C-alpha atoms as a PDB file:
ATOM      1  CA  MET A   1      12.787  89.945 -17.194  1.00  0.00           C
ATOM      2  CA  ARG A   2      13.638  93.537 -16.601  1.00  0.00           C
ATOM      3  CA  VAL A   3      13.171  95.995 -13.787  1.00  0.00           C
ATOM      4  CA  ARG A   4      10.864  98.789 -14.962  1.00  0.00           C
ATOM      5  CA  LYS A   5      12.821 101.899 -15.896  1.00  0.00           C
ATOM      6  CA  ASN A   6      10.988 104.152 -13.449  1.00  0.00           C
ATOM      7  CA  ILE A   7      11.760 101.970 -10.405  1.00  0.00           C
ATOM      8  CA  ALA A   8      14.276 103.537  -8.057  1.00  0.00           C
ATOM      9  CA  THR A   9      16.603 101.048  -6.392  1.00  0.00           C
ATOM     10  CA  SER A  10      19.463 101.141  -3.936  1.00  0.00           C
ATOM     11  CA  GLU A  11      22.320  98.725  -3.376  1.00  0.00           C
ATOM     12  CA  GLU A  12      20.901  98.065   0.088  1.00  0.00           C
ATOM     13  CA  GLY A  13      17.690  96.581  -1.352  1.00  0.00           C
ATOM     14  CA  PHE A  14      15.297  99.527  -1.159  1.00  0.00           C
ATOM     15  CA  LEU A  15      12.852  99.809  -4.087  1.00  0.00           C
ATOM     16  CA  PHE A  16      10.485 102.665  -4.860  1.00  0.00           C
ATOM     17  CA  ASN A  17       7.771 102.706  -7.511  1.00  0.00           C
ATOM     18  CA  PRO A  18       6.983 106.395  -8.210  1.00  0.00           C
ATOM     19  CA  THR A  19       3.928 105.448 -10.263  1.00  0.00           C
ATOM     20  CA  THR A  20       2.159 103.809  -7.319  1.00  0.00           C
ATOM     21  CA  GLY A  21       4.053 105.427  -4.444  1.00  0.00           C
ATOM     22  CA  ASP A  22       4.840 101.970  -3.058  1.00  0.00           C
ATOM     23  CA  SER A  23       8.191 101.204  -1.484  1.00  0.00           C
ATOM     24  CA  PHE A  24       9.724  97.856  -0.657  1.00  0.00           C
ATOM     25  CA  SER A  25      12.861  96.514   0.921  1.00  0.00           C
ATOM     26  CA  THR A  26      14.619  93.204   0.502  1.00  0.00           C
ATOM     27  CA  ASN A  27      17.535  91.370   2.038  1.00  0.00           C
ATOM     28  CA  ALA A  28      21.105  91.449   0.698  1.00  0.00           C
ATOM     29  CA  ILE A  29      20.605  88.594  -1.765  1.00  0.00           C
ATOM     30  CA  GLY A  30      17.360  90.156  -2.995  1.00  0.00           C
ATOM     31  CA  ALA A  31      19.265  93.388  -3.545  1.00  0.00           C
ATOM     32  CA  GLU A  32      21.904  91.529  -5.571  1.00  0.00           C
ATOM     33  CA  ILE A  33      19.189  89.926  -7.686  1.00  0.00           C
ATOM     34  CA  ILE A  34      17.503  93.288  -8.341  1.00  0.00           C
ATOM     35  CA  LEU A  35      20.807  94.859  -9.393  1.00  0.00           C
ATOM     36  CA  MET A  36      21.514  91.948 -11.749  1.00  0.00           C
ATOM     37  CA  LEU A  37      18.017  92.191 -13.251  1.00  0.00           C
ATOM     38  CA  LYS A  38      18.643  95.890 -13.871  1.00  0.00           C
ATOM     39  CA  LYS A  39      21.697  94.843 -15.890  1.00  0.00           C
ATOM     40  CA  ASP A  40      19.528  92.470 -17.984  1.00  0.00           C
ATOM     41  CA  ILE A  41      21.170  89.366 -16.550  1.00  0.00           C
ATOM     42  CA  SER A  42      18.977  86.314 -17.095  1.00  0.00           C
ATOM     43  CA  LEU A  43      17.428  84.314 -14.259  1.00  0.00           C
ATOM     44  CA  ARG A  44      19.586  81.353 -15.235  1.00  0.00           C
ATOM     45  CA  GLU A  45      22.762  83.448 -15.008  1.00  0.00           C
ATOM     46  CA  ILE A  46      21.568  84.874 -11.687  1.00  0.00           C
ATOM     47  CA  ALA A  47      20.996  81.342 -10.362  1.00  0.00           C
ATOM     48  CA  ASP A  48      24.460  80.273 -11.561  1.00  0.00           C
ATOM     49  CA  TYR A  49      26.101  83.237  -9.836  1.00  0.00           C
ATOM     50  CA  ILE A  50      24.210  83.065  -6.525  1.00  0.00           C
ATOM     51  CA  CYS A  51      24.496  79.282  -6.195  1.00  0.00           C
ATOM     52  CA  GLU A  52      28.238  79.422  -6.780  1.00  0.00           C
ATOM     53  CA  LYS A  53      28.857  82.467  -4.604  1.00  0.00           C
ATOM     54  CA  TYR A  54      26.836  81.254  -1.609  1.00  0.00           C
ATOM     55  CA  ASP A  55      27.100  77.479  -2.162  1.00  0.00           C
ATOM     56  CA  VAL A  56      23.329  76.958  -1.976  1.00  0.00           C
ATOM     57  CA  ASP A  57      21.194  74.106  -3.277  1.00  0.00           C
ATOM     58  CA  ARG A  58      20.306  74.973  -6.874  1.00  0.00           C
ATOM     59  CA  SER A  59      16.797  73.490  -6.955  1.00  0.00           C
ATOM     60  CA  LEU A  60      15.846  75.261  -3.726  1.00  0.00           C
ATOM     61  CA  PHE A  61      17.287  78.556  -4.924  1.00  0.00           C
ATOM     62  CA  GLU A  62      15.553  78.299  -8.313  1.00  0.00           C
ATOM     63  CA  ARG A  63      12.197  77.877  -6.533  1.00  0.00           C
ATOM     64  CA  ASP A  64      12.943  80.865  -4.313  1.00  0.00           C
ATOM     65  CA  LEU A  65      14.056  82.926  -7.315  1.00  0.00           C
ATOM     66  CA  ASP A  66      10.878  82.004  -9.173  1.00  0.00           C
ATOM     67  CA  ASP A  67       8.749  83.023  -6.162  1.00  0.00           C
ATOM     68  CA  PHE A  68      10.699  86.272  -5.816  1.00  0.00           C
ATOM     69  CA  SER A  69      10.262  87.144  -9.495  1.00  0.00           C
ATOM     70  CA  VAL A  70       6.501  86.460  -9.262  1.00  0.00           C
ATOM     71  CA  GLN A  71       6.288  88.844  -6.300  1.00  0.00           C
ATOM     72  CA  LEU A  72       8.249  91.489  -8.192  1.00  0.00           C
ATOM     73  CA  LYS A  73       5.825  91.182 -11.101  1.00  0.00           C
ATOM     74  CA  GLU A  74       2.803  91.420  -8.794  1.00  0.00           C
ATOM     75  CA  PHE A  75       4.173  94.645  -7.310  1.00  0.00           C
ATOM     76  CA  SER A  76       4.878  96.057 -10.804  1.00  0.00           C
ATOM     77  CA  ILE A  77       8.632  96.082 -10.262  1.00  0.00           C
ATOM     78  CA  LEU A  78       9.309  93.902 -13.305  1.00  0.00           C
ATOM     79  CA  GLU A  79       8.049  94.432 -16.831  1.00  0.00           C
END
């Protein structure tokens, strides 16, 4: 999964789609995920990193990550 090239992002979690004019914001972990996706880091590697960094339950985080990626696709943030 990749963030579309035309999507503007900030480290604070602000996203802007110039094609649609839509803007979105996310929390700090969402912002980290977006930045990692922009670097072509896989969802598995993202899950490894976040679960280790924040000591969260892996199965719960993987479900949340899956839901988040579906939302990003629906809003045309991901290719």
